[in-house]
Amino acid sequence: MRRYLMMALLIGVAIGGLAPGTAYAQATGTITGIVTDESGAVMPGVTVEVTNTATNQSRTAVSGPDGFYTVVRLQPGPYSVKGTLAGFKTAVREGLRVEVESTARVDLKMSVGQLEESVHVVGETALVETSSASMGTVIDQKKVEELPLNGRNFTQLGTLIPGVVAAPAGLGGAAGDATPGGFGAATSGFSVNGMRNQSNNFLLDGASNNDTFNTGFVMRPPPDAIQEFKIQTHSYSAEYGRNSGSVVNVVTRAGTNQLHGAGWEFNRDDKLQARNFFAAPDPAPKPKLKQNQFGASLGGPLVRNRIFGWCSTSRKSAERRCASRSGTPVSRLEASISTSTRDFPGFASST
């Protein structure tokens, strides 16, 4: 019996490996470019090695007859590119960065010389996306961690992008929490190009993260667990579909060869805040507010240069009371109505 179960498992894994993976959205990037010599002529057959400098993992490709090479499905992060060919110096490009759902153009120029010699070029990739017509912006890890967020909701950073505005309070607002009696996606956070905030397609590491009931997101990772995310607002490819507003692809952090960890606590307390305008005046106590958001994260190598891990956890506890200020007392309001209706024939005050 055990033997049959193992055979069934192996068959299932084999079938899954044969299934086409390009039909699904990916939380990866691409490096492409052309290899030329000093005269500008294209060079086929050049071995191009792309290395993630944070994990030391490499992928290789060979330039085609037109000199072009492409390396797809790269984990977002820092990279270096090296081109080698017998009779030419090794060409190296460093200081490159691959972003989610983006294509980095990295061209190599080979010089005649010994293979042991190398030419190093340090520089960032171009800021203008020339390989795709889609419009979008990547919010990197530095912005996610350091910009202030109310409630540590990463979707608030989406309003930094042109064409993206916070939803009305009744539909969740910038905080992503619908008001009592509100309607629609309570966890969408923003509207894009005039579309409803229910018209966003949320992805987590390339997988669907959409609430089919409220059409918002299901899982909201804490900022410390997010490496970066991209909001595509226009002309994104057909692999996404589903929504007419935007595509939000969130990439969670992965471990590297360096050990990283953090712990945090965010506190809001009524003792540290001024009295709300709608709260009762002194000597009445201020409305109670005690909110704590706390957590920790840890990541690093499990097997150096081979296996990496990252974990993060967070909790939130909140206790609050709403403040309200009543208007004109009912007795005074009735007296005012009774007095004013005496000046109009046909109207009489009721008692």
Foldseek 3Di string as FASTA:
>chain_A
DVVVVVVVVVVVVVVVVPDDPVLFFAFFFKEKEFEEEPVRQGDWQKKKWKAAPQQRDIDIWTQHPRRMTMDDGHHWHFIKMWIFDAQWEIEIEGQETTGTPAYFYDYHYIYGDHPVHYDYHYDYTDPDGDPAPWDKDKDFLVCLPPPDDDVQFSLLVVVVDPQKDFDDQLAQGQPLAHDVVRDARSRQRIFGNPDDSLQEFEAERRHGQADPVRSHGNDGDGSVQWRMKMKTADDDDPSRDDGNGIYIYTYTDWAGADKDKDKDKDWDWPVPDDADPQADDPPDDGWGKTKMKIWMKIWHDPPRSPHIGIDIDMDMDIDTDDGHHDDDDPVVVLVVVQVVQVVDPPDHRDD
